Full PDB file with SEQRES, HELIX, SHEET, SSBOND, CRYST1, ORIGX, SCALE, CONECT and MASTER records, all heavy atoms in Angstrom:
SEQRES   1 A   36  THR THR VAL ASP CYS GLY SER HIS THR LEU PHE ILE ALA          
SEQRES   2 A   36  GLU VAL THR GLU ALA GLN VAL LEU SER ASN ASP ARG SER          
SEQRES   3 A   36  MET THR TYR GLN TYR TYR PHE ASP ASN VAL                      
HELIX    1 AA1 TYR A   29  ASN A   35  1                                   7    
SHEET    1 AA1 2 THR A   2  CYS A   5  0                                        
SHEET    2 AA1 2 HIS A   8  PHE A  11 -1                                        
CRYST1    1.000    1.000    1.000  90.00  90.00  90.00 P 1           1          
ORIGX1      1.000000  0.000000  0.000000        0.00000                         
ORIGX2      0.000000  1.000000  0.000000        0.00000                         
ORIGX3      0.000000  0.000000  1.000000        0.00000                         
SCALE1      1.000000  0.000000  0.000000        0.00000                         
SCALE2      0.000000  1.000000  0.000000        0.00000                         
SCALE3      0.000000  0.000000  1.000000        0.00000                         
ATOM      1  N   THR A   1       7.507   1.237  13.360  1.00  0.00           N  
ATOM      2  CA  THR A   1       6.244   0.511  13.440  1.00  0.00           C  
ATOM      3  C   THR A   1       5.747   0.184  12.044  1.00  0.00           C  
ATOM      4  O   THR A   1       6.192   0.773  11.064  1.00  0.00           O  
ATOM      5  CB  THR A   1       5.188   1.327  14.224  1.00  0.00           C  
ATOM      6  OG1 THR A   1       4.055   0.499  14.480  1.00  0.00           O  
ATOM      7  CG2 THR A   1       4.750   2.555  13.468  1.00  0.00           C  
ATOM      8  N   THR A   2       4.818  -0.768  11.969  1.00  0.00           N  
ATOM      9  CA  THR A   2       4.215  -1.148  10.693  1.00  0.00           C  
ATOM     10  C   THR A   2       2.692  -1.095  10.834  1.00  0.00           C  
ATOM     11  O   THR A   2       2.151  -1.265  11.924  1.00  0.00           O  
ATOM     12  CB  THR A   2       4.619  -2.578  10.267  1.00  0.00           C  
ATOM     13  OG1 THR A   2       4.161  -3.503  11.249  1.00  0.00           O  
ATOM     14  CG2 THR A   2       6.117  -2.706  10.113  1.00  0.00           C  
ATOM     15  N   VAL A   3       2.033  -0.847   9.702  1.00  0.00           N  
ATOM     16  CA  VAL A   3       0.576  -0.842   9.659  1.00  0.00           C  
ATOM     17  C   VAL A   3       0.158  -1.735   8.495  1.00  0.00           C  
ATOM     18  O   VAL A   3       0.614  -1.533   7.367  1.00  0.00           O  
ATOM     19  CB  VAL A   3       0.017   0.583   9.460  1.00  0.00           C  
ATOM     20  CG1 VAL A   3      -1.506   0.559   9.390  1.00  0.00           C  
ATOM     21  CG2 VAL A   3       0.507   1.528  10.544  1.00  0.00           C  
ATOM     22  N   ASP A   4      -0.680  -2.723   8.757  1.00  0.00           N  
ATOM     23  CA  ASP A   4      -1.190  -3.612   7.721  1.00  0.00           C  
ATOM     24  C   ASP A   4      -2.262  -2.862   6.936  1.00  0.00           C  
ATOM     25  O   ASP A   4      -3.282  -2.460   7.498  1.00  0.00           O  
ATOM     26  CB  ASP A   4      -1.767  -4.878   8.359  1.00  0.00           C  
ATOM     27  CG  ASP A   4      -2.151  -5.919   7.324  1.00  0.00           C  
ATOM     28  OD1 ASP A   4      -2.548  -5.544   6.199  1.00  0.00           O  
ATOM     29  OD2 ASP A   4      -2.069  -7.125   7.635  1.00  0.00           O  
ATOM     30  N   CYS A   5      -2.034  -2.694   5.647  1.00  0.00           N  
ATOM     31  CA  CYS A   5      -2.978  -1.961   4.795  1.00  0.00           C  
ATOM     32  C   CYS A   5      -3.559  -2.871   3.710  1.00  0.00           C  
ATOM     33  O   CYS A   5      -3.726  -2.451   2.566  1.00  0.00           O  
ATOM     34  CB  CYS A   5      -2.302  -0.753   4.167  1.00  0.00           C  
ATOM     35  SG  CYS A   5      -1.692   0.443   5.356  1.00  0.00           S  
ATOM     36  N   GLY A   6      -3.796  -4.111   4.029  1.00  0.00           N  
ATOM     37  CA  GLY A   6      -4.356  -5.036   3.046  1.00  0.00           C  
ATOM     38  C   GLY A   6      -3.276  -5.597   2.148  1.00  0.00           C  
ATOM     39  O   GLY A   6      -2.466  -6.414   2.574  1.00  0.00           O  
ATOM     40  N   SER A   7      -3.224  -5.134   0.906  1.00  0.00           N  
ATOM     41  CA  SER A   7      -2.232  -5.641  -0.043  1.00  0.00           C  
ATOM     42  C   SER A   7      -0.834  -5.075   0.213  1.00  0.00           C  
ATOM     43  O   SER A   7       0.149  -5.582  -0.319  1.00  0.00           O  
ATOM     44  CB  SER A   7      -2.648  -5.321  -1.474  1.00  0.00           C  
ATOM     45  OG  SER A   7      -2.710  -3.915  -1.661  1.00  0.00           O  
ATOM     46  N   HIS A   8      -0.745  -4.015   1.018  1.00  0.00           N  
ATOM     47  CA  HIS A   8       0.527  -3.350   1.297  1.00  0.00           C  
ATOM     48  C   HIS A   8       0.776  -3.268   2.804  1.00  0.00           C  
ATOM     49  O   HIS A   8      -0.152  -3.380   3.600  1.00  0.00           O  
ATOM     50  CB  HIS A   8       0.519  -1.929   0.719  1.00  0.00           C  
ATOM     51  CG  HIS A   8       0.598  -1.876  -0.752  1.00  0.00           C  
ATOM     52  ND1 HIS A   8      -0.394  -2.367  -1.575  1.00  0.00           N  
ATOM     53  CD2 HIS A   8       1.561  -1.394  -1.575  1.00  0.00           C  
ATOM     54  CE1 HIS A   8      -0.044  -2.180  -2.837  1.00  0.00           C  
ATOM     55  NE2 HIS A   8       1.129  -1.592  -2.860  1.00  0.00           N  
ATOM     56  N   THR A   9       2.026  -3.027   3.144  1.00  0.00           N  
ATOM     57  CA  THR A   9       2.383  -2.698   4.522  1.00  0.00           C  
ATOM     58  C   THR A   9       2.937  -1.279   4.526  1.00  0.00           C  
ATOM     59  O   THR A   9       3.756  -0.920   3.672  1.00  0.00           O  
ATOM     60  CB  THR A   9       3.442  -3.668   5.079  1.00  0.00           C  
ATOM     61  OG1 THR A   9       2.891  -4.980   5.106  1.00  0.00           O  
ATOM     62  CG2 THR A   9       3.870  -3.273   6.483  1.00  0.00           C  
ATOM     63  N   LEU A  10       2.484  -0.488   5.459  1.00  0.00           N  
ATOM     64  CA  LEU A  10       3.012   0.849   5.664  1.00  0.00           C  
ATOM     65  C   LEU A  10       4.100   0.754   6.724  1.00  0.00           C  
ATOM     66  O   LEU A  10       3.836   0.316   7.849  1.00  0.00           O  
ATOM     67  CB  LEU A  10       1.903   1.797   6.120  1.00  0.00           C  
ATOM     68  CG  LEU A  10       2.307   3.247   6.344  1.00  0.00           C  
ATOM     69  CD1 LEU A  10       2.643   3.923   5.027  1.00  0.00           C  
ATOM     70  CD2 LEU A  10       1.193   3.997   7.058  1.00  0.00           C  
ATOM     71  N   PHE A  11       5.317   1.102   6.337  1.00  0.00           N  
ATOM     72  CA  PHE A  11       6.440   1.106   7.268  1.00  0.00           C  
ATOM     73  C   PHE A  11       6.698   2.546   7.701  1.00  0.00           C  
ATOM     74  O   PHE A  11       6.902   3.420   6.852  1.00  0.00           O  
ATOM     75  CB  PHE A  11       7.705   0.551   6.604  1.00  0.00           C  
ATOM     76  CG  PHE A  11       7.636  -0.906   6.248  1.00  0.00           C  
ATOM     77  CD1 PHE A  11       7.340  -1.298   4.954  1.00  0.00           C  
ATOM     78  CD2 PHE A  11       7.873  -1.885   7.203  1.00  0.00           C  
ATOM     79  CE1 PHE A  11       7.281  -2.638   4.615  1.00  0.00           C  
ATOM     80  CE2 PHE A  11       7.819  -3.231   6.877  1.00  0.00           C  
ATOM     81  CZ  PHE A  11       7.512  -3.615   5.575  1.00  0.00           C  
ATOM     82  N   ILE A  12       6.708   2.795   8.995  1.00  0.00           N  
ATOM     83  CA  ILE A  12       7.070   4.110   9.530  1.00  0.00           C  
ATOM     84  C   ILE A  12       8.456   3.954  10.128  1.00  0.00           C  
ATOM     85  O   ILE A  12       8.703   3.044  10.924  1.00  0.00           O  
ATOM     86  CB  ILE A  12       6.045   4.591  10.554  1.00  0.00           C  
ATOM     87  CG1 ILE A  12       4.688   4.747   9.846  1.00  0.00           C  
ATOM     88  CG2 ILE A  12       6.493   5.885  11.215  1.00  0.00           C  
ATOM     89  CD1 ILE A  12       3.536   5.037  10.744  1.00  0.00           C  
ATOM     90  N   ALA A  13       9.378   4.817   9.701  1.00  0.00           N  
ATOM     91  CA  ALA A  13      10.781   4.613  10.048  1.00  0.00           C  
ATOM     92  C   ALA A  13      11.462   5.909  10.452  1.00  0.00           C  
ATOM     93  O   ALA A  13      11.111   6.995   9.986  1.00  0.00           O  
ATOM     94  CB  ALA A  13      11.521   4.004   8.854  1.00  0.00           C  
ATOM     95  N   GLU A  14      12.440   5.749  11.319  1.00  0.00           N  
ATOM     96  CA  GLU A  14      13.332   6.852  11.679  1.00  0.00           C  
ATOM     97  C   GLU A  14      14.440   6.901  10.632  1.00  0.00           C  
ATOM     98  O   GLU A  14      14.970   5.866  10.229  1.00  0.00           O  
ATOM     99  CB  GLU A  14      13.924   6.614  13.055  1.00  0.00           C  
ATOM    100  CG  GLU A  14      14.739   7.784  13.550  1.00  0.00           C  
ATOM    101  CD  GLU A  14      15.133   7.615  15.009  1.00  0.00           C  
ATOM    102  OE1 GLU A  14      14.431   6.891  15.748  1.00  0.00           O  
ATOM    103  OE2 GLU A  14      16.145   8.205  15.393  1.00  0.00           O  
ATOM    104  N   VAL A  15      14.777   8.094  10.183  1.00  0.00           N  
ATOM    105  CA  VAL A  15      15.856   8.246   9.198  1.00  0.00           C  
ATOM    106  C   VAL A  15      17.184   8.215   9.950  1.00  0.00           C  
ATOM    107  O   VAL A  15      17.423   9.025  10.847  1.00  0.00           O  
ATOM    108  CB  VAL A  15      15.713   9.560   8.407  1.00  0.00           C  
ATOM    109  CG1 VAL A  15      16.890   9.754   7.462  1.00  0.00           C  
ATOM    110  CG2 VAL A  15      14.404   9.564   7.638  1.00  0.00           C  
ATOM    111  N   THR A  16      18.037   7.266   9.591  1.00  0.00           N  
ATOM    112  CA  THR A  16      19.340   7.138  10.243  1.00  0.00           C  
ATOM    113  C   THR A  16      20.437   7.819   9.443  1.00  0.00           C  
ATOM    114  O   THR A  16      21.496   8.107   9.977  1.00  0.00           O  
ATOM    115  CB  THR A  16      19.694   5.656  10.456  1.00  0.00           C  
ATOM    116  OG1 THR A  16      19.659   4.978   9.202  1.00  0.00           O  
ATOM    117  CG2 THR A  16      18.713   5.004  11.420  1.00  0.00           C  
ATOM    118  N   GLU A  17      20.172   8.044   8.158  1.00  0.00           N  
ATOM    119  CA  GLU A  17      21.133   8.759   7.315  1.00  0.00           C  
ATOM    120  C   GLU A  17      20.403   9.384   6.144  1.00  0.00           C  
ATOM    121  O   GLU A  17      19.475   8.792   5.592  1.00  0.00           O  
ATOM    122  CB  GLU A  17      22.220   7.820   6.794  1.00  0.00           C  
ATOM    123  CG  GLU A  17      23.237   8.568   5.943  1.00  0.00           C  
ATOM    124  CD  GLU A  17      24.435   7.717   5.561  1.00  0.00           C  
ATOM    125  OE1 GLU A  17      24.604   6.622   6.090  1.00  0.00           O  
ATOM    126  OE2 GLU A  17      25.196   8.184   4.709  1.00  0.00           O  
ATOM    127  N   ALA A  18      20.809  10.589   5.767  1.00  0.00           N  
ATOM    128  CA  ALA A  18      20.279  11.274   4.589  1.00  0.00           C  
ATOM    129  C   ALA A  18      21.453  11.970   3.924  1.00  0.00           C  
ATOM    130  O   ALA A  18      22.062  12.847   4.526  1.00  0.00           O  
ATOM    131  CB  ALA A  18      19.199  12.270   4.987  1.00  0.00           C  
ATOM    132  N   GLN A  19      21.747  11.552   2.709  1.00  0.00           N  
ATOM    133  CA  GLN A  19      22.951  12.034   2.037  1.00  0.00           C  
ATOM    134  C   GLN A  19      22.629  12.493   0.621  1.00  0.00           C  
ATOM    135  O   GLN A  19      21.956  11.783  -0.129  1.00  0.00           O  
ATOM    136  CB  GLN A  19      23.953  10.883   2.002  1.00  0.00           C  
ATOM    137  CG  GLN A  19      25.240  11.164   1.310  1.00  0.00           C  
ATOM    138  CD  GLN A  19      26.130   9.924   1.335  1.00  0.00           C  
ATOM    139  OE1 GLN A  19      26.176   9.193   2.309  1.00  0.00           O  
ATOM    140  NE2 GLN A  19      26.832   9.684   0.265  1.00  0.00           N  
ATOM    141  N   VAL A  20      23.085  13.680   0.244  1.00  0.00           N  
ATOM    142  CA  VAL A  20      22.941  14.181  -1.119  1.00  0.00           C  
ATOM    143  C   VAL A  20      24.096  13.629  -1.951  1.00  0.00           C  
ATOM    144  O   VAL A  20      25.249  13.711  -1.546  1.00  0.00           O  
ATOM    145  CB  VAL A  20      22.947  15.727  -1.148  1.00  0.00           C  
ATOM    146  CG1 VAL A  20      22.955  16.244  -2.577  1.00  0.00           C  
ATOM    147  CG2 VAL A  20      21.752  16.272  -0.384  1.00  0.00           C  
ATOM    148  N   LEU A  21      23.773  13.070  -3.124  1.00  0.00           N  
ATOM    149  CA  LEU A  21      24.794  12.495  -3.998  1.00  0.00           C  
ATOM    150  C   LEU A  21      25.089  13.363  -5.219  1.00  0.00           C  
ATOM    151  O   LEU A  21      26.171  13.267  -5.785  1.00  0.00           O  
ATOM    152  CB  LEU A  21      24.359  11.093  -4.466  1.00  0.00           C  
ATOM    153  CG  LEU A  21      24.066  10.094  -3.356  1.00  0.00           C  
ATOM    154  CD1 LEU A  21      23.528   8.797  -3.935  1.00  0.00           C  
ATOM    155  CD2 LEU A  21      25.308   9.832  -2.517  1.00  0.00           C  
ATOM    156  N   SER A  22      24.118  14.169  -5.647  1.00  0.00           N  
ATOM    157  CA  SER A  22      24.341  15.043  -6.801  1.00  0.00           C  
ATOM    158  C   SER A  22      23.364  16.206  -6.754  1.00  0.00           C  
ATOM    159  O   SER A  22      22.400  16.195  -5.988  1.00  0.00           O  
ATOM    160  CB  SER A  22      24.161  14.269  -8.119  1.00  0.00           C  
ATOM    161  OG  SER A  22      22.785  14.107  -8.420  1.00  0.00           O  
ATOM    162  N   ASN A  23      23.591  17.172  -7.612  1.00  0.00           N  
ATOM    163  CA  ASN A  23      22.699  18.322  -7.721  1.00  0.00           C  
ATOM    164  C   ASN A  23      21.633  18.117  -8.785  1.00  0.00           C  
ATOM    165  O   ASN A  23      20.874  19.035  -9.092  1.00  0.00           O  
ATOM    166  CB  ASN A  23      23.501  19.594  -8.029  1.00  0.00           C  
ATOM    167  CG  ASN A  23      24.340  20.029  -6.844  1.00  0.00           C  
ATOM    168  OD1 ASN A  23      23.919  19.872  -5.700  1.00  0.00           O  
ATOM    169  ND2 ASN A  23      25.517  20.542  -7.105  1.00  0.00           N  
ATOM    170  N   ASP A  24      21.579  16.942  -9.388  1.00  0.00           N  
ATOM    171  CA  ASP A  24      20.593  16.665 -10.426  1.00  0.00           C  
ATOM    172  C   ASP A  24      19.181  16.753  -9.860  1.00  0.00           C  
ATOM    173  O   ASP A  24      18.945  16.467  -8.689  1.00  0.00           O  
ATOM    174  CB  ASP A  24      20.811  15.261 -11.010  1.00  0.00           C  
ATOM    175  CG  ASP A  24      22.158  15.135 -11.707  1.00  0.00           C  
ATOM    176  OD1 ASP A  24      22.710  16.162 -12.127  1.00  0.00           O  
ATOM    177  OD2 ASP A  24      22.650  14.001 -11.819  1.00  0.00           O  
ATOM    178  N   ARG A  25      18.239  17.112 -10.730  1.00  0.00           N  
ATOM    179  CA  ARG A  25      16.841  17.208 -10.315  1.00  0.00           C  
ATOM    180  C   ARG A  25      16.250  15.814 -10.104  1.00  0.00           C  
ATOM    181  O   ARG A  25      16.624  14.864 -10.783  1.00  0.00           O  
ATOM    182  CB  ARG A  25      16.038  17.955 -11.375  1.00  0.00           C  
ATOM    183  CG  ARG A  25      16.423  19.410 -11.440  1.00  0.00           C  
ATOM    184  CD  ARG A  25      15.896  20.134 -12.654  1.00  0.00           C  
ATOM    185  NE  ARG A  25      14.600  19.696 -13.095  1.00  0.00           N  
ATOM    186  CZ  ARG A  25      13.614  20.506 -13.436  1.00  0.00           C  
ATOM    187  NH1 ARG A  25      13.790  21.806 -13.376  1.00  0.00           N  
ATOM    188  NH2 ARG A  25      12.470  20.043 -13.870  1.00  0.00           N  
ATOM    189  N   SER A  26      15.320  15.718  -9.171  1.00  0.00           N  
ATOM    190  CA  SER A  26      14.663  14.442  -8.883  1.00  0.00           C  
ATOM    191  C   SER A  26      13.686  14.080  -9.994  1.00  0.00           C  
ATOM    192  O   SER A  26      13.062  14.945 -10.605  1.00  0.00           O  
ATOM    193  CB  SER A  26      13.904  14.521  -7.560  1.00  0.00           C  
ATOM    194  OG  SER A  26      14.794  14.721  -6.488  1.00  0.00           O  
ATOM    195  N   MET A  27      13.546  12.775 -10.214  1.00  0.00           N  
ATOM    196  CA  MET A  27      12.605  12.248 -11.201  1.00  0.00           C  
ATOM    197  C   MET A  27      11.191  12.355 -10.648  1.00  0.00           C  
ATOM    198  O   MET A  27      10.890  11.803  -9.592  1.00  0.00           O  
ATOM    199  CB  MET A  27      12.946  10.790 -11.486  1.00  0.00           C  
ATOM    200  CG  MET A  27      11.960  10.062 -12.371  1.00  0.00           C  
ATOM    201  SD  MET A  27      12.179  10.317 -14.131  1.00  0.00           S  
ATOM    202  CE  MET A  27      13.736   9.494 -14.428  1.00  0.00           C  
ATOM    203  N   THR A  28      10.323  13.061 -11.355  1.00  0.00           N  
ATOM    204  CA  THR A  28       8.913  13.100 -11.001  1.00  0.00           C  
ATOM    205  C   THR A  28       8.163  12.125 -11.897  1.00  0.00           C  
ATOM    206  O   THR A  28       8.673  11.701 -12.939  1.00  0.00           O  
ATOM    207  CB  THR A  28       8.324  14.504 -11.202  1.00  0.00           C  
ATOM    208  OG1 THR A  28       8.416  14.832 -12.598  1.00  0.00           O  
ATOM    209  CG2 THR A  28       9.061  15.555 -10.371  1.00  0.00           C  
ATOM    210  N   TYR A  29       6.944  11.776 -11.503  1.00  0.00           N  
ATOM    211  CA  TYR A  29       6.135  10.902 -12.347  1.00  0.00           C  
ATOM    212  C   TYR A  29       5.903  11.548 -13.708  1.00  0.00           C  
ATOM    213  O   TYR A  29       5.937  10.893 -14.739  1.00  0.00           O  
ATOM    214  CB  TYR A  29       4.792  10.599 -11.681  1.00  0.00           C  
ATOM    215  CG  TYR A  29       4.625   9.135 -11.382  1.00  0.00           C  
ATOM    216  CD1 TYR A  29       4.260   8.710 -10.124  1.00  0.00           C  
ATOM    217  CD2 TYR A  29       4.837   8.174 -12.357  1.00  0.00           C  
ATOM    218  CE1 TYR A  29       4.111   7.364  -9.834  1.00  0.00           C  
ATOM    219  CE2 TYR A  29       4.687   6.828 -12.081  1.00  0.00           C  
ATOM    220  CZ  TYR A  29       4.326   6.430 -10.817  1.00  0.00           C  
ATOM    221  OH  TYR A  29       4.188   5.107 -10.537  1.00  0.00           O  
ATOM    222  N   GLN A  30       5.639  12.838 -13.716  1.00  0.00           N  
ATOM    223  CA  GLN A  30       5.392  13.527 -14.990  1.00  0.00           C  
ATOM    224  C   GLN A  30       6.607  13.441 -15.898  1.00  0.00           C  
ATOM    225  O   GLN A  30       6.481  13.167 -17.091  1.00  0.00           O  
ATOM    226  CB  GLN A  30       5.019  14.999 -14.741  1.00  0.00           C  
ATOM    227  CG  GLN A  30       4.502  15.688 -15.985  1.00  0.00           C  
ATOM    228  CD  GLN A  30       3.222  15.052 -16.496  1.00  0.00           C  
ATOM    229  OE1 GLN A  30       2.267  14.862 -15.733  1.00  0.00           O  
ATOM    230  NE2 GLN A  30       3.175  14.701 -17.766  1.00  0.00           N  
ATOM    231  N   TYR A  31       7.801  13.650 -15.339  1.00  0.00           N  
ATOM    232  CA  TYR A  31       9.016  13.556 -16.149  1.00  0.00           C  
ATOM    233  C   TYR A  31       9.194  12.129 -16.675  1.00  0.00           C  
ATOM    234  O   TYR A  31       9.561  11.920 -17.825  1.00  0.00           O  
ATOM    235  CB  TYR A  31      10.244  13.978 -15.329  1.00  0.00           C  
ATOM    236  CG  TYR A  31      11.483  14.102 -16.174  1.00  0.00           C  
ATOM    237  CD1 TYR A  31      11.815  15.311 -16.783  1.00  0.00           C  
ATOM    238  CD2 TYR A  31      12.325  13.008 -16.384  1.00  0.00           C  
ATOM    239  CE1 TYR A  31      12.938  15.430 -17.574  1.00  0.00           C  
ATOM    240  CE2 TYR A  31      13.454  13.111 -17.176  1.00  0.00           C  
ATOM    241  CZ  TYR A  31      13.751  14.323 -17.768  1.00  0.00           C  
ATOM    242  OH  TYR A  31      14.860  14.429 -18.570  1.00  0.00           O  
ATOM    243  N   TYR A  32       8.911  11.140 -15.817  1.00  0.00           N  
ATOM    244  CA  TYR A  32       9.012   9.744 -16.230  1.00  0.00           C  
ATOM    245  C   TYR A  32       8.091   9.462 -17.418  1.00  0.00           C  
ATOM    246  O   TYR A  32       8.511   8.887 -18.421  1.00  0.00           O  
ATOM    247  CB  TYR A  32       8.655   8.833 -15.055  1.00  0.00           C  
ATOM    248  CG  TYR A  32       8.468   7.380 -15.435  1.00  0.00           C  
ATOM    249  CD1 TYR A  32       9.570   6.571 -15.721  1.00  0.00           C  
ATOM    250  CD2 TYR A  32       7.200   6.821 -15.518  1.00  0.00           C  
ATOM    251  CE1 TYR A  32       9.398   5.236 -16.074  1.00  0.00           C  
ATOM    252  CE2 TYR A  32       7.024   5.495 -15.869  1.00  0.00           C  
ATOM    253  CZ  TYR A  32       8.119   4.709 -16.149  1.00  0.00           C  
ATOM    254  OH  TYR A  32       7.950   3.398 -16.514  1.00  0.00           O  
ATOM    255  N   PHE A  33       6.827   9.881 -17.322  1.00  0.00           N  
ATOM    256  CA  PHE A  33       5.874   9.615 -18.401  1.00  0.00           C  
ATOM    257  C   PHE A  33       6.222  10.380 -19.676  1.00  0.00           C  
ATOM    258  O   PHE A  33       6.066   9.855 -20.781  1.00  0.00           O  
ATOM    259  CB  PHE A  33       4.450   9.952 -17.960  1.00  0.00           C  
ATOM    260  CG  PHE A  33       3.843   8.911 -17.070  1.00  0.00           C  
ATOM    261  CD1 PHE A  33       3.442   9.218 -15.786  1.00  0.00           C  
ATOM    262  CD2 PHE A  33       3.678   7.605 -17.510  1.00  0.00           C  
ATOM    263  CE1 PHE A  33       2.892   8.252 -14.967  1.00  0.00           C  
ATOM    264  CE2 PHE A  33       3.128   6.626 -16.697  1.00  0.00           C  
ATOM    265  CZ  PHE A  33       2.726   6.951 -15.418  1.00  0.00           C  
ATOM    266  N   ASP A  34       6.705  11.609 -19.543  1.00  0.00           N  
ATOM    267  CA  ASP A  34       7.000  12.424 -20.717  1.00  0.00           C  
ATOM    268  C   ASP A  34       8.321  12.081 -21.397  1.00  0.00           C  
ATOM    269  O   ASP A  34       8.432  12.221 -22.619  1.00  0.00           O  
ATOM    270  CB  ASP A  34       7.034  13.909 -20.331  1.00  0.00           C  
ATOM    271  CG  ASP A  34       5.666  14.443 -19.942  1.00  0.00           C  
ATOM    272  OD1 ASP A  34       4.655  13.763 -20.222  1.00  0.00           O  
ATOM    273  OD2 ASP A  34       5.615  15.535 -19.337  1.00  0.00           O  
ATOM    274  N   ASN A  35       9.326  11.642 -20.624  1.00  0.00           N  
ATOM    275  CA  ASN A  35      10.674  11.535 -21.187  1.00  0.00           C  
ATOM    276  C   ASN A  35      11.348  10.174 -21.083  1.00  0.00           C  
ATOM    277  O   ASN A  35      12.324   9.922 -21.781  1.00  0.00           O  
ATOM    278  CB  ASN A  35      11.585  12.565 -20.507  1.00  0.00           C  
ATOM    279  CG  ASN A  35      11.082  13.969 -20.686  1.00  0.00           C  
ATOM    280  OD1 ASN A  35      11.134  14.510 -21.767  1.00  0.00           O  
ATOM    281  ND2 ASN A  35      10.547  14.543 -19.629  1.00  0.00           N  
ATOM    282  N   VAL A  36      10.879   9.302 -20.194  1.00  0.00           N  
ATOM    283  CA  VAL A  36      11.589   8.045 -19.950  1.00  0.00           C  
ATOM    284  C   VAL A  36      10.790   6.837 -20.426  1.00  0.00           C  
ATOM    285  O   VAL A  36      11.317   5.971 -21.128  1.00  0.00           O  
ATOM    286  CB  VAL A  36      11.937   7.890 -18.451  1.00  0.00           C  
ATOM    287  CG1 VAL A  36      12.647   6.580 -18.186  1.00  0.00           C  
ATOM    288  CG2 VAL A  36      12.785   9.070 -17.980  1.00  0.00           C  
TER     289      VAL A  36                                                      
MASTER        0    0    0    1    2    0    0    6  288    1    0    3          
END                                                                             
């Protein structure tokens, strides 16, 4: 389903696949601002 949120659309979705590709840590906003 979708929800109209003005400038954005909220998409609600069923996950059909979830796959791990590496053991690396995920990028957080804080890491992005501090290091990237």
